[in-house]
Full PDB file with SEQRES, HELIX, SHEET, SSBOND, CRYST1, ORIGX, SCALE, CONECT and MASTER records, all heavy atoms in Angstrom:
SEQRES   1 A   41  ILE ILE ASN ASP ILE TYR LEU ASN GLY SER PRO LEU GLN          
SEQRES   2 A   41  ARG LYS VAL ALA SER VAL PHE LEU GLU SER PHE LEU PHE          
SEQRES   3 A   41  TYR SER GLY PHE TYR THR PRO LEU TYR TYR LEU GLY ASN          
SEQRES   4 A   41  SER LYS                                                      
HELIX    1 AA1 ILE A    2  ASN A    8  1                                   7    
HELIX    2 AA2 PRO A   11  PHE A   20  1                                  10    
HELIX    3 AA3 LEU A   21  LEU A   25  3                                   5    
HELIX    4 AA4 TYR A   27  GLY A   38  1                                  12    
CRYST1    1.000    1.000    1.000  90.00  90.00  90.00 P 1           1          
ORIGX1      1.000000  0.000000  0.000000        0.00000                         
ORIGX2      0.000000  1.000000  0.000000        0.00000                         
ORIGX3      0.000000  0.000000  1.000000        0.00000                         
SCALE1      1.000000  0.000000  0.000000        0.00000                         
SCALE2      0.000000  1.000000  0.000000        0.00000                         
SCALE3      0.000000  0.000000  1.000000        0.00000                         
ATOM      1  N   ILE A   1     -36.921  -9.380   9.321  1.00  0.00           N  
ATOM      2  CA  ILE A   1     -36.997  -8.213  10.199  1.00  0.00           C  
ATOM      3  C   ILE A   1     -38.386  -8.099  10.828  1.00  0.00           C  
ATOM      4  O   ILE A   1     -38.539  -7.935  12.045  1.00  0.00           O  
ATOM      5  CB  ILE A   1     -36.668  -6.931   9.421  1.00  0.00           C  
ATOM      6  CG1 ILE A   1     -35.187  -6.916   9.014  1.00  0.00           C  
ATOM      7  CG2 ILE A   1     -36.985  -5.686  10.265  1.00  0.00           C  
ATOM      8  CD1 ILE A   1     -34.831  -5.801   8.024  1.00  0.00           C  
ATOM      9  N   ILE A   2     -39.417  -8.181  10.005  1.00  0.00           N  
ATOM     10  CA  ILE A   2     -40.791  -8.028  10.495  1.00  0.00           C  
ATOM     11  C   ILE A   2     -41.177  -9.201  11.398  1.00  0.00           C  
ATOM     12  O   ILE A   2     -41.768  -9.009  12.477  1.00  0.00           O  
ATOM     13  CB  ILE A   2     -41.778  -7.909   9.323  1.00  0.00           C  
ATOM     14  CG1 ILE A   2     -41.515  -6.635   8.514  1.00  0.00           C  
ATOM     15  CG2 ILE A   2     -43.220  -7.930   9.825  1.00  0.00           C  
ATOM     16  CD1 ILE A   2     -41.757  -5.349   9.269  1.00  0.00           C  
ATOM     17  N   ASN A   3     -40.835 -10.409  10.980  1.00  0.00           N  
ATOM     18  CA  ASN A   3     -41.233 -11.582  11.757  1.00  0.00           C  
ATOM     19  C   ASN A   3     -40.559 -11.611  13.126  1.00  0.00           C  
ATOM     20  O   ASN A   3     -41.165 -12.045  14.114  1.00  0.00           O  
ATOM     21  CB  ASN A   3     -40.909 -12.858  10.980  1.00  0.00           C  
ATOM     22  CG  ASN A   3     -41.580 -14.071  11.579  1.00  0.00           C  
ATOM     23  OD1 ASN A   3     -42.753 -14.025  11.932  1.00  0.00           O  
ATOM     24  ND2 ASN A   3     -40.847 -15.168  11.706  1.00  0.00           N  
ATOM     25  N   ASP A   4     -39.318 -11.138  13.198  1.00  0.00           N  
ATOM     26  CA  ASP A   4     -38.631 -11.098  14.493  1.00  0.00           C  
ATOM     27  C   ASP A   4     -39.378 -10.186  15.469  1.00  0.00           C  
ATOM     28  O   ASP A   4     -39.485 -10.494  16.662  1.00  0.00           O  
ATOM     29  CB  ASP A   4     -37.197 -10.606  14.310  1.00  0.00           C  
ATOM     30  CG  ASP A   4     -36.427 -10.562  15.621  1.00  0.00           C  
ATOM     31  OD1 ASP A   4     -36.220 -11.624  16.234  1.00  0.00           O  
ATOM     32  OD2 ASP A   4     -36.057  -9.444  16.051  1.00  0.00           O  
ATOM     33  N   ILE A   5     -39.918  -9.086  14.948  1.00  0.00           N  
ATOM     34  CA  ILE A   5     -40.689  -8.184  15.813  1.00  0.00           C  
ATOM     35  C   ILE A   5     -42.010  -8.843  16.213  1.00  0.00           C  
ATOM     36  O   ILE A   5     -42.449  -8.733  17.366  1.00  0.00           O  
ATOM     37  CB  ILE A   5     -40.943  -6.850  15.095  1.00  0.00           C  
ATOM     38  CG1 ILE A   5     -39.609  -6.159  14.788  1.00  0.00           C  
ATOM     39  CG2 ILE A   5     -41.833  -5.934  15.947  1.00  0.00           C  
ATOM     40  CD1 ILE A   5     -39.724  -4.983  13.838  1.00  0.00           C  
ATOM     41  N   TYR A   6     -42.649  -9.545  15.278  1.00  0.00           N  
ATOM     42  CA  TYR A   6     -43.887 -10.253  15.611  1.00  0.00           C  
ATOM     43  C   TYR A   6     -43.657 -11.272  16.732  1.00  0.00           C  
ATOM     44  O   TYR A   6     -44.508 -11.454  17.604  1.00  0.00           O  
ATOM     45  CB  TYR A   6     -44.433 -10.970  14.384  1.00  0.00           C  
ATOM     46  CG  TYR A   6     -45.114 -10.073  13.374  1.00  0.00           C  
ATOM     47  CD1 TYR A   6     -45.224 -10.453  12.040  1.00  0.00           C  
ATOM     48  CD2 TYR A   6     -45.667  -8.851  13.743  1.00  0.00           C  
ATOM     49  CE1 TYR A   6     -45.861  -9.643  11.105  1.00  0.00           C  
ATOM     50  CE2 TYR A   6     -46.294  -8.027  12.817  1.00  0.00           C  
ATOM     51  CZ  TYR A   6     -46.387  -8.441  11.496  1.00  0.00           C  
ATOM     52  OH  TYR A   6     -47.017  -7.634  10.577  1.00  0.00           O  
ATOM     53  N   LEU A   7     -42.499 -11.899  16.699  1.00  0.00           N  
ATOM     54  CA  LEU A   7     -42.219 -12.957  17.673  1.00  0.00           C  
ATOM     55  C   LEU A   7     -41.691 -12.417  19.002  1.00  0.00           C  
ATOM     56  O   LEU A   7     -41.970 -12.982  20.058  1.00  0.00           O  
ATOM     57  CB  LEU A   7     -41.210 -13.946  17.096  1.00  0.00           C  
ATOM     58  CG  LEU A   7     -41.676 -14.763  15.887  1.00  0.00           C  
ATOM     59  CD1 LEU A   7     -40.531 -15.621  15.352  1.00  0.00           C  
ATOM     60  CD2 LEU A   7     -42.872 -15.635  16.239  1.00  0.00           C  
ATOM     61  N   ASN A   8     -40.937 -11.313  18.961  1.00  0.00           N  
ATOM     62  CA  ASN A   8     -40.219 -10.870  20.155  1.00  0.00           C  
ATOM     63  C   ASN A   8     -40.498  -9.434  20.587  1.00  0.00           C  
ATOM     64  O   ASN A   8     -40.027  -9.007  21.637  1.00  0.00           O  
ATOM     65  CB  ASN A   8     -38.705 -11.024  19.928  1.00  0.00           C  
ATOM     66  CG  ASN A   8     -38.313 -12.453  19.580  1.00  0.00           C  
ATOM     67  OD1 ASN A   8     -38.584 -13.379  20.340  1.00  0.00           O  
ATOM     68  ND2 ASN A   8     -37.692 -12.641  18.415  1.00  0.00           N  
ATOM     69  N   GLY A   9     -41.229  -8.677  19.776  1.00  0.00           N  
ATOM     70  CA  GLY A   9     -41.467  -7.274  20.106  1.00  0.00           C  
ATOM     71  C   GLY A   9     -42.571  -7.075  21.123  1.00  0.00           C  
ATOM     72  O   GLY A   9     -43.332  -7.998  21.454  1.00  0.00           O  
ATOM     73  N   SER A  10     -42.668  -5.847  21.619  1.00  0.00           N  
ATOM     74  CA  SER A  10     -43.754  -5.474  22.520  1.00  0.00           C  
ATOM     75  C   SER A  10     -45.046  -5.336  21.711  1.00  0.00           C  
ATOM     76  O   SER A  10     -45.008  -5.267  20.480  1.00  0.00           O  
ATOM     77  CB  SER A  10     -43.426  -4.137  23.193  1.00  0.00           C  
ATOM     78  OG  SER A  10     -43.476  -3.081  22.232  1.00  0.00           O  
ATOM     79  N   PRO A  11     -46.195  -5.275  22.365  1.00  0.00           N  
ATOM     80  CA  PRO A  11     -47.450  -5.105  21.620  1.00  0.00           C  
ATOM     81  C   PRO A  11     -47.449  -3.892  20.688  1.00  0.00           C  
ATOM     82  O   PRO A  11     -47.914  -3.980  19.552  1.00  0.00           O  
ATOM     83  CB  PRO A  11     -48.492  -4.957  22.729  1.00  0.00           C  
ATOM     84  CG  PRO A  11     -47.943  -5.779  23.847  1.00  0.00           C  
ATOM     85  CD  PRO A  11     -46.460  -5.539  23.795  1.00  0.00           C  
ATOM     86  N   LEU A  12     -46.906  -2.761  21.137  1.00  0.00           N  
ATOM     87  CA  LEU A  12     -46.881  -1.581  20.277  1.00  0.00           C  
ATOM     88  C   LEU A  12     -45.863  -1.734  19.148  1.00  0.00           C  
ATOM     89  O   LEU A  12     -46.101  -1.278  18.023  1.00  0.00           O  
ATOM     90  CB  LEU A  12     -46.582  -0.323  21.096  1.00  0.00           C  
ATOM     91  CG  LEU A  12     -47.718   0.184  21.984  1.00  0.00           C  
ATOM     92  CD1 LEU A  12     -47.314   1.476  22.687  1.00  0.00           C  
ATOM     93  CD2 LEU A  12     -49.001   0.402  21.191  1.00  0.00           C  
ATOM     94  N   GLN A  13     -44.741  -2.363  19.422  1.00  0.00           N  
ATOM     95  CA  GLN A  13     -43.761  -2.616  18.358  1.00  0.00           C  
ATOM     96  C   GLN A  13     -44.351  -3.522  17.280  1.00  0.00           C  
ATOM     97  O   GLN A  13     -44.108  -3.319  16.085  1.00  0.00           O  
ATOM     98  CB  GLN A  13     -42.498  -3.235  18.950  1.00  0.00           C  
ATOM     99  CG  GLN A  13     -41.641  -2.260  19.734  1.00  0.00           C  
ATOM    100  CD  GLN A  13     -40.447  -2.922  20.394  1.00  0.00           C  
ATOM    101  OE1 GLN A  13     -40.487  -4.111  20.748  1.00  0.00           O  
ATOM    102  NE2 GLN A  13     -39.383  -2.162  20.588  1.00  0.00           N  
ATOM    103  N   ARG A  14     -45.135  -4.498  17.688  1.00  0.00           N  
ATOM    104  CA  ARG A  14     -45.758  -5.393  16.706  1.00  0.00           C  
ATOM    105  C   ARG A  14     -46.746  -4.625  15.829  1.00  0.00           C  
ATOM    106  O   ARG A  14     -46.867  -4.902  14.627  1.00  0.00           O  
ATOM    107  CB  ARG A  14     -46.445  -6.563  17.424  1.00  0.00           C  
ATOM    108  CG  ARG A  14     -45.475  -7.509  18.120  1.00  0.00           C  
ATOM    109  CD  ARG A  14     -46.109  -8.838  18.477  1.00  0.00           C  
ATOM    110  NE  ARG A  14     -47.135  -8.729  19.496  1.00  0.00           N  
ATOM    111  CZ  ARG A  14     -46.934  -8.912  20.795  1.00  0.00           C  
ATOM    112  NH1 ARG A  14     -45.706  -9.189  21.238  1.00  0.00           N  
ATOM    113  NH2 ARG A  14     -47.929  -8.825  21.654  1.00  0.00           N  
ATOM    114  N   LYS A  15     -47.443  -3.668  16.412  1.00  0.00           N  
ATOM    115  CA  LYS A  15     -48.365  -2.851  15.616  1.00  0.00           C  
ATOM    116  C   LYS A  15     -47.599  -1.981  14.625  1.00  0.00           C  
ATOM    117  O   LYS A  15     -48.030  -1.803  13.475  1.00  0.00           O  
ATOM    118  CB  LYS A  15     -49.246  -2.004  16.534  1.00  0.00           C  
ATOM    119  CG  LYS A  15     -50.288  -2.809  17.314  1.00  0.00           C  
ATOM    120  CD  LYS A  15     -51.141  -1.911  18.184  1.00  0.00           C  
ATOM    121  CE  LYS A  15     -52.252  -2.688  18.893  1.00  0.00           C  
ATOM    122  NZ  LYS A  15     -51.724  -3.624  19.902  1.00  0.00           N  
ATOM    123  N   VAL A  16     -46.480  -1.429  15.051  1.00  0.00           N  
ATOM    124  CA  VAL A  16     -45.651  -0.633  14.138  1.00  0.00           C  
ATOM    125  C   VAL A  16     -45.198  -1.495  12.962  1.00  0.00           C  
ATOM    126  O   VAL A  16     -45.295  -1.085  11.794  1.00  0.00           O  
ATOM    127  CB  VAL A  16     -44.426  -0.055  14.871  1.00  0.00           C  
ATOM    128  CG1 VAL A  16     -43.455   0.581  13.872  1.00  0.00           C  
ATOM    129  CG2 VAL A  16     -44.853   0.985  15.905  1.00  0.00           C  
ATOM    130  N   ALA A  17     -44.705  -2.685  13.260  1.00  0.00           N  
ATOM    131  CA  ALA A  17     -44.232  -3.585  12.205  1.00  0.00           C  
ATOM    132  C   ALA A  17     -45.357  -3.926  11.238  1.00  0.00           C  
ATOM    133  O   ALA A  17     -45.154  -3.968  10.017  1.00  0.00           O  
ATOM    134  CB  ALA A  17     -43.656  -4.862  12.828  1.00  0.00           C  
ATOM    135  N   SER A  18     -46.540  -4.157  11.777  1.00  0.00           N  
ATOM    136  CA  SER A  18     -47.683  -4.506  10.932  1.00  0.00           C  
ATOM    137  C   SER A  18     -48.066  -3.347  10.026  1.00  0.00           C  
ATOM    138  O   SER A  18     -48.336  -3.531   8.832  1.00  0.00           O  
ATOM    139  CB  SER A  18     -48.873  -4.909  11.804  1.00  0.00           C  
ATOM    140  OG  SER A  18     -49.951  -5.324  11.005  1.00  0.00           O  
ATOM    141  N   VAL A  19     -48.094  -2.135  10.565  1.00  0.00           N  
ATOM    142  CA  VAL A  19     -48.424  -0.962   9.758  1.00  0.00           C  
ATOM    143  C   VAL A  19     -47.382  -0.745   8.673  1.00  0.00           C  
ATOM    144  O   VAL A  19     -47.717  -0.434   7.519  1.00  0.00           O  
ATOM    145  CB  VAL A  19     -48.561   0.291  10.647  1.00  0.00           C  
ATOM    146  CG1 VAL A  19     -48.636   1.554   9.795  1.00  0.00           C  
ATOM    147  CG2 VAL A  19     -49.798   0.181  11.525  1.00  0.00           C  
ATOM    148  N   PHE A  20     -46.108  -0.932   9.004  1.00  0.00           N  
ATOM    149  CA  PHE A  20     -45.065  -0.761   7.996  1.00  0.00           C  
ATOM    150  C   PHE A  20     -45.185  -1.803   6.893  1.00  0.00           C  
ATOM    151  O   PHE A  20     -44.913  -1.518   5.727  1.00  0.00           O  
ATOM    152  CB  PHE A  20     -43.686  -0.831   8.646  1.00  0.00           C  
ATOM    153  CG  PHE A  20     -43.301   0.412   9.408  1.00  0.00           C  
ATOM    154  CD1 PHE A  20     -42.183   0.433  10.225  1.00  0.00           C  
ATOM    155  CD2 PHE A  20     -44.054   1.570   9.308  1.00  0.00           C  
ATOM    156  CE1 PHE A  20     -41.822   1.578  10.919  1.00  0.00           C  
ATOM    157  CE2 PHE A  20     -43.715   2.728  10.005  1.00  0.00           C  
ATOM    158  CZ  PHE A  20     -42.586   2.727  10.814  1.00  0.00           C  
ATOM    159  N   LEU A  21     -45.600  -3.005   7.243  1.00  0.00           N  
ATOM    160  CA  LEU A  21     -45.799  -4.027   6.211  1.00  0.00           C  
ATOM    161  C   LEU A  21     -46.998  -3.662   5.340  1.00  0.00           C  
ATOM    162  O   LEU A  21     -46.906  -3.641   4.111  1.00  0.00           O  
ATOM    163  CB  LEU A  21     -45.994  -5.402   6.859  1.00  0.00           C  
ATOM    164  CG  LEU A  21     -45.926  -6.612   5.924  1.00  0.00           C  
ATOM    165  CD1 LEU A  21     -45.524  -7.869   6.690  1.00  0.00           C  
ATOM    166  CD2 LEU A  21     -47.249  -6.870   5.214  1.00  0.00           C  
ATOM    167  N   GLU A  22     -48.124  -3.337   5.976  1.00  0.00           N  
ATOM    168  CA  GLU A  22     -49.373  -3.059   5.250  1.00  0.00           C  
ATOM    169  C   GLU A  22     -49.286  -1.783   4.413  1.00  0.00           C  
ATOM    170  O   GLU A  22     -49.789  -1.733   3.289  1.00  0.00           O  
ATOM    171  CB  GLU A  22     -50.533  -2.899   6.246  1.00  0.00           C  
ATOM    172  CG  GLU A  22     -50.820  -4.104   7.119  1.00  0.00           C  
ATOM    173  CD  GLU A  22     -51.831  -5.043   6.512  1.00  0.00           C  
ATOM    174  OE1 GLU A  22     -52.181  -4.846   5.344  1.00  0.00           O  
ATOM    175  OE2 GLU A  22     -52.267  -5.968   7.213  1.00  0.00           O  
ATOM    176  N   SER A  23     -48.682  -0.753   4.969  1.00  0.00           N  
ATOM    177  CA  SER A  23     -48.745   0.574   4.362  1.00  0.00           C  
ATOM    178  C   SER A  23     -47.478   0.990   3.627  1.00  0.00           C  
ATOM    179  O   SER A  23     -47.459   2.053   2.996  1.00  0.00           O  
ATOM    180  CB  SER A  23     -49.051   1.621   5.452  1.00  0.00           C  
ATOM    181  OG  SER A  23     -50.236   1.297   6.145  1.00  0.00           O  
ATOM    182  N   PHE A  24     -46.422   0.166   3.699  1.00  0.00           N  
ATOM    183  CA  PHE A  24     -45.150   0.529   3.062  1.00  0.00           C  
ATOM    184  C   PHE A  24     -44.553  -0.597   2.227  1.00  0.00           C  
ATOM    185  O   PHE A  24     -44.336  -0.450   1.023  1.00  0.00           O  
ATOM    186  CB  PHE A  24     -44.158   0.993   4.139  1.00  0.00           C  
ATOM    187  CG  PHE A  24     -42.756   1.191   3.643  1.00  0.00           C  
ATOM    188  CD1 PHE A  24     -42.484   2.099   2.627  1.00  0.00           C  
ATOM    189  CD2 PHE A  24     -41.701   0.471   4.196  1.00  0.00           C  
ATOM    190  CE1 PHE A  24     -41.175   2.285   2.167  1.00  0.00           C  
ATOM    191  CE2 PHE A  24     -40.401   0.649   3.751  1.00  0.00           C  
ATOM    192  CZ  PHE A  24     -40.134   1.553   2.728  1.00  0.00           C  
ATOM    193  N   LEU A  25     -44.302  -1.749   2.837  1.00  0.00           N  
ATOM    194  CA  LEU A  25     -43.552  -2.801   2.155  1.00  0.00           C  
ATOM    195  C   LEU A  25     -44.276  -3.394   0.951  1.00  0.00           C  
ATOM    196  O   LEU A  25     -43.637  -3.880   0.018  1.00  0.00           O  
ATOM    197  CB  LEU A  25     -43.190  -3.921   3.145  1.00  0.00           C  
ATOM    198  CG  LEU A  25     -42.179  -3.549   4.230  1.00  0.00           C  
ATOM    199  CD1 LEU A  25     -41.937  -4.732   5.162  1.00  0.00           C  
ATOM    200  CD2 LEU A  25     -40.862  -3.076   3.626  1.00  0.00           C  
ATOM    201  N   PHE A  26     -45.590  -3.361   0.953  1.00  0.00           N  
ATOM    202  CA  PHE A  26     -46.336  -3.890  -0.193  1.00  0.00           C  
ATOM    203  C   PHE A  26     -46.127  -3.051  -1.465  1.00  0.00           C  
ATOM    204  O   PHE A  26     -46.313  -3.537  -2.580  1.00  0.00           O  
ATOM    205  CB  PHE A  26     -47.838  -3.910   0.104  1.00  0.00           C  
ATOM    206  CG  PHE A  26     -48.286  -5.060   0.970  1.00  0.00           C  
ATOM    207  CD1 PHE A  26     -49.070  -4.820   2.096  1.00  0.00           C  
ATOM    208  CD2 PHE A  26     -47.962  -6.365   0.665  1.00  0.00           C  
ATOM    209  CE1 PHE A  26     -49.504  -5.865   2.897  1.00  0.00           C  
ATOM    210  CE2 PHE A  26     -48.394  -7.415   1.459  1.00  0.00           C  
ATOM    211  CZ  PHE A  26     -49.164  -7.161   2.575  1.00  0.00           C  
ATOM    212  N   TYR A  27     -45.763  -1.795  -1.294  1.00  0.00           N  
ATOM    213  CA  TYR A  27     -45.920  -0.856  -2.409  1.00  0.00           C  
ATOM    214  C   TYR A  27     -44.850  -0.948  -3.491  1.00  0.00           C  
ATOM    215  O   TYR A  27     -45.078  -0.484  -4.617  1.00  0.00           O  
ATOM    216  CB  TYR A  27     -46.077   0.562  -1.859  1.00  0.00           C  
ATOM    217  CG  TYR A  27     -47.460   0.741  -1.280  1.00  0.00           C  
ATOM    218  CD1 TYR A  27     -47.776   0.290   0.002  1.00  0.00           C  
ATOM    219  CD2 TYR A  27     -48.478   1.283  -2.048  1.00  0.00           C  
ATOM    220  CE1 TYR A  27     -49.056   0.410   0.509  1.00  0.00           C  
ATOM    221  CE2 TYR A  27     -49.766   1.409  -1.546  1.00  0.00           C  
ATOM    222  CZ  TYR A  27     -50.046   0.968  -0.268  1.00  0.00           C  
ATOM    223  OH  TYR A  27     -51.326   1.069   0.219  1.00  0.00           O  
ATOM    224  N   SER A  28     -43.710  -1.541  -3.206  1.00  0.00           N  
ATOM    225  CA  SER A  28     -42.748  -1.779  -4.288  1.00  0.00           C  
ATOM    226  C   SER A  28     -43.346  -2.752  -5.296  1.00  0.00           C  
ATOM    227  O   SER A  28     -43.013  -2.712  -6.486  1.00  0.00           O  
ATOM    228  CB  SER A  28     -41.430  -2.338  -3.728  1.00  0.00           C  
ATOM    229  OG  SER A  28     -41.652  -3.556  -3.031  1.00  0.00           O  
ATOM    230  N   GLY A  29     -44.246  -3.609  -4.833  1.00  0.00           N  
ATOM    231  CA  GLY A  29     -44.936  -4.536  -5.723  1.00  0.00           C  
ATOM    232  C   GLY A  29     -46.184  -3.934  -6.346  1.00  0.00           C  
ATOM    233  O   GLY A  29     -46.478  -4.161  -7.518  1.00  0.00           O  
ATOM    234  N   PHE A  30     -46.915  -3.123  -5.574  1.00  0.00           N  
ATOM    235  CA  PHE A  30     -48.148  -2.528  -6.096  1.00  0.00           C  
ATOM    236  C   PHE A  30     -47.885  -1.559  -7.247  1.00  0.00           C  
ATOM    237  O   PHE A  30     -48.758  -1.325  -8.087  1.00  0.00           O  
ATOM    238  CB  PHE A  30     -48.884  -1.777  -4.976  1.00  0.00           C  
ATOM    239  CG  PHE A  30     -49.560  -2.665  -3.964  1.00  0.00           C  
ATOM    240  CD1 PHE A  30     -49.840  -2.189  -2.686  1.00  0.00           C  
ATOM    241  CD2 PHE A  30     -49.930  -3.970  -4.271  1.00  0.00           C  
ATOM    242  CE1 PHE A  30     -50.474  -2.988  -1.747  1.00  0.00           C  
ATOM    243  CE2 PHE A  30     -50.560  -4.773  -3.341  1.00  0.00           C  
ATOM    244  CZ  PHE A  30     -50.830  -4.283  -2.077  1.00  0.00           C  
ATOM    245  N   TYR A  31     -46.688  -0.975  -7.294  1.00  0.00           N  
ATOM    246  CA  TYR A  31     -46.372  -0.020  -8.355  1.00  0.00           C  
ATOM    247  C   TYR A  31     -46.625  -0.626  -9.734  1.00  0.00           C  
ATOM    248  O   TYR A  31     -47.210   0.027 -10.610  1.00  0.00           O  
ATOM    249  CB  TYR A  31     -44.907   0.411  -8.247  1.00  0.00           C  
ATOM    250  CG  TYR A  31     -44.488   1.428  -9.293  1.00  0.00           C  
ATOM    251  CD1 TYR A  31     -44.493   2.785  -9.008  1.00  0.00           C  
ATOM    252  CD2 TYR A  31     -44.094   1.028 -10.577  1.00  0.00           C  
ATOM    253  CE1 TYR A  31     -44.115   3.726  -9.959  1.00  0.00           C  
ATOM    254  CE2 TYR A  31     -43.723   1.954 -11.540  1.00  0.00           C  
ATOM    255  CZ  TYR A  31     -43.730   3.294 -11.217  1.00  0.00           C  
ATOM    256  OH  TYR A  31     -43.376   4.222 -12.168  1.00  0.00           O  
ATOM    257  N   THR A  32     -46.207  -1.870  -9.935  1.00  0.00           N  
ATOM    258  CA  THR A  32     -46.272  -2.492 -11.262  1.00  0.00           C  
ATOM    259  C   THR A  32     -47.695  -2.597 -11.808  1.00  0.00           C  
ATOM    260  O   THR A  32     -47.971  -2.118 -12.912  1.00  0.00           O  
ATOM    261  CB  THR A  32     -45.601  -3.881 -11.232  1.00  0.00           C  
ATOM    262  OG1 THR A  32     -44.232  -3.714 -10.856  1.00  0.00           O  
ATOM    263  CG2 THR A  32     -45.669  -4.555 -12.582  1.00  0.00           C  
ATOM    264  N   PRO A  33     -48.642  -3.218 -11.098  1.00  0.00           N  
ATOM    265  CA  PRO A  33     -49.995  -3.319 -11.663  1.00  0.00           C  
ATOM    266  C   PRO A  33     -50.669  -1.959 -11.806  1.00  0.00           C  
ATOM    267  O   PRO A  33     -51.465  -1.759 -12.731  1.00  0.00           O  
ATOM    268  CB  PRO A  33     -50.743  -4.211 -10.667  1.00  0.00           C  
ATOM    269  CG  PRO A  33     -49.972  -4.100  -9.398  1.00  0.00           C  
ATOM    270  CD  PRO A  33     -48.545  -3.943  -9.816  1.00  0.00           C  
ATOM    271  N   LEU A  34     -50.364  -1.005 -10.903  1.00  0.00           N  
ATOM    272  CA  LEU A  34     -50.948   0.326 -11.032  1.00  0.00           C  
ATOM    273  C   LEU A  34     -50.416   1.030 -12.279  1.00  0.00           C  
ATOM    274  O   LEU A  34     -51.149   1.752 -12.961  1.00  0.00           O  
ATOM    275  CB  LEU A  34     -50.652   1.161  -9.779  1.00  0.00           C  
ATOM    276  CG  LEU A  34     -51.305   0.679  -8.475  1.00  0.00           C  
ATOM    277  CD1 LEU A  34     -50.843   1.539  -7.308  1.00  0.00           C  
ATOM    278  CD2 LEU A  34     -52.821   0.685  -8.589  1.00  0.00           C  
ATOM    279  N   TYR A  35     -49.146   0.817 -12.582  1.00  0.00           N  
ATOM    280  CA  TYR A  35     -48.553   1.389 -13.788  1.00  0.00           C  
ATOM    281  C   TYR A  35     -49.214   0.813 -15.042  1.00  0.00           C  
ATOM    282  O   TYR A  35     -49.563   1.547 -15.978  1.00  0.00           O  
ATOM    283  CB  TYR A  35     -47.051   1.123 -13.804  1.00  0.00           C  
ATOM    284  CG  TYR A  35     -46.347   1.659 -15.040  1.00  0.00           C  
ATOM    285  CD1 TYR A  35     -45.910   2.984 -15.096  1.00  0.00           C  
ATOM    286  CD2 TYR A  35     -46.137   0.842 -16.149  1.00  0.00           C  
ATOM    287  CE1 TYR A  35     -45.280   3.480 -16.221  1.00  0.00           C  
ATOM    288  CE2 TYR A  35     -45.505   1.332 -17.282  1.00  0.00           C  
ATOM    289  CZ  TYR A  35     -45.076   2.657 -17.315  1.00  0.00           C  
ATOM    290  OH  TYR A  35     -44.455   3.138 -18.443  1.00  0.00           O  
ATOM    291  N   TYR A  36     -49.406  -0.502 -15.047  1.00  0.00           N  
ATOM    292  CA  TYR A  36     -50.054  -1.127 -16.206  1.00  0.00           C  
ATOM    293  C   TYR A  36     -51.512  -0.689 -16.332  1.00  0.00           C  
ATOM    294  O   TYR A  36     -52.011  -0.466 -17.441  1.00  0.00           O  
ATOM    295  CB  TYR A  36     -49.953  -2.654 -16.115  1.00  0.00           C  
ATOM    296  CG  TYR A  36     -48.590  -3.185 -16.495  1.00  0.00           C  
ATOM    297  CD1 TYR A  36     -47.859  -3.978 -15.628  1.00  0.00           C  
ATOM    298  CD2 TYR A  36     -48.034  -2.892 -17.736  1.00  0.00           C  
ATOM    299  CE1 TYR A  36     -46.598  -4.449 -15.978  1.00  0.00           C  
ATOM    300  CE2 TYR A  36     -46.786  -3.363 -18.103  1.00  0.00           C  
ATOM    301  CZ  TYR A  36     -46.069  -4.136 -17.210  1.00  0.00           C  
ATOM    302  OH  TYR A  36     -44.830  -4.594 -17.568  1.00  0.00           O  
ATOM    303  N   LEU A  37     -52.194  -0.557 -15.204  1.00  0.00           N  
ATOM    304  CA  LEU A  37     -53.580  -0.099 -15.241  1.00  0.00           C  
ATOM    305  C   LEU A  37     -53.672   1.271 -15.895  1.00  0.00           C  
ATOM    306  O   LEU A  37     -54.540   1.520 -16.735  1.00  0.00           O  
ATOM    307  CB  LEU A  37     -54.156  -0.048 -13.820  1.00  0.00           C  
ATOM    308  CG  LEU A  37     -55.573   0.512 -13.677  1.00  0.00           C  
ATOM    309  CD1 LEU A  37     -56.587  -0.380 -14.393  1.00  0.00           C  
ATOM    310  CD2 LEU A  37     -55.946   0.663 -12.204  1.00  0.00           C  
ATOM    311  N   GLY A  38     -52.755   2.161 -15.518  1.00  0.00           N  
ATOM    312  CA  GLY A  38     -52.752   3.493 -16.077  1.00  0.00           C  
ATOM    313  C   GLY A  38     -52.412   3.533 -17.547  1.00  0.00           C  
ATOM    314  O   GLY A  38     -52.682   4.526 -18.236  1.00  0.00           O  
ATOM    315  N   ASN A  39     -51.822   2.444 -18.048  1.00  0.00           N  
ATOM    316  CA  ASN A  39     -51.498   2.330 -19.468  1.00  0.00           C  
ATOM    317  C   ASN A  39     -52.418   1.337 -20.178  1.00  0.00           C  
ATOM    318  O   ASN A  39     -52.089   0.837 -21.258  1.00  0.00           O  
ATOM    319  CB  ASN A  39     -50.031   1.920 -19.634  1.00  0.00           C  
ATOM    320  CG  ASN A  39     -49.080   3.057 -19.319  1.00  0.00           C  
ATOM    321  OD1 ASN A  39     -48.849   3.944 -20.133  1.00  0.00           O  
ATOM    322  ND2 ASN A  39     -48.524   3.053 -18.105  1.00  0.00           N  
ATOM    323  N   SER A  40     -53.556   1.042 -19.536  1.00  0.00           N  
ATOM    324  CA  SER A  40     -54.603   0.175 -20.115  1.00  0.00           C  
ATOM    325  C   SER A  40     -54.094  -1.215 -20.467  1.00  0.00           C  
ATOM    326  O   SER A  40     -54.449  -1.779 -21.499  1.00  0.00           O  
ATOM    327  CB  SER A  40     -55.211   0.852 -21.357  1.00  0.00           C  
ATOM    328  OG  SER A  40     -55.791   2.088 -21.017  1.00  0.00           O  
ATOM    329  N   LYS A  41     -53.276  -1.774 -19.580  1.00  0.00           N  
ATOM    330  CA  LYS A  41     -52.794  -3.142 -19.742  1.00  0.00           C  
ATOM    331  C   LYS A  41     -53.100  -3.933 -18.474  1.00  0.00           C  
ATOM    332  O   LYS A  41     -53.086  -3.389 -17.373  1.00  0.00           O  
ATOM    333  CB  LYS A  41     -51.281  -3.172 -20.000  1.00  0.00           C  
ATOM    334  CG  LYS A  41     -50.831  -2.485 -21.278  1.00  0.00           C  
ATOM    335  CD  LYS A  41     -49.313  -2.542 -21.398  1.00  0.00           C  
ATOM    336  CE  LYS A  41     -48.816  -1.824 -22.649  1.00  0.00           C  
ATOM    337  NZ  LYS A  41     -47.329  -1.852 -22.741  1.00  0.00           N  
TER     338      LYS A  41                                                      
MASTER        0    0    0    4    0    0    0    6  337    1    0    4          
END                                                                             
């Protein structure tokens, strides 16, 4: 989904896709290490 916008979207659409990747899509993964950090692991 994101790569298709990078390849075919308008300049503003590409920025939206990038922000959604940076500020949203990473966080399902970031939850895990933050949870362990809070539990001293």
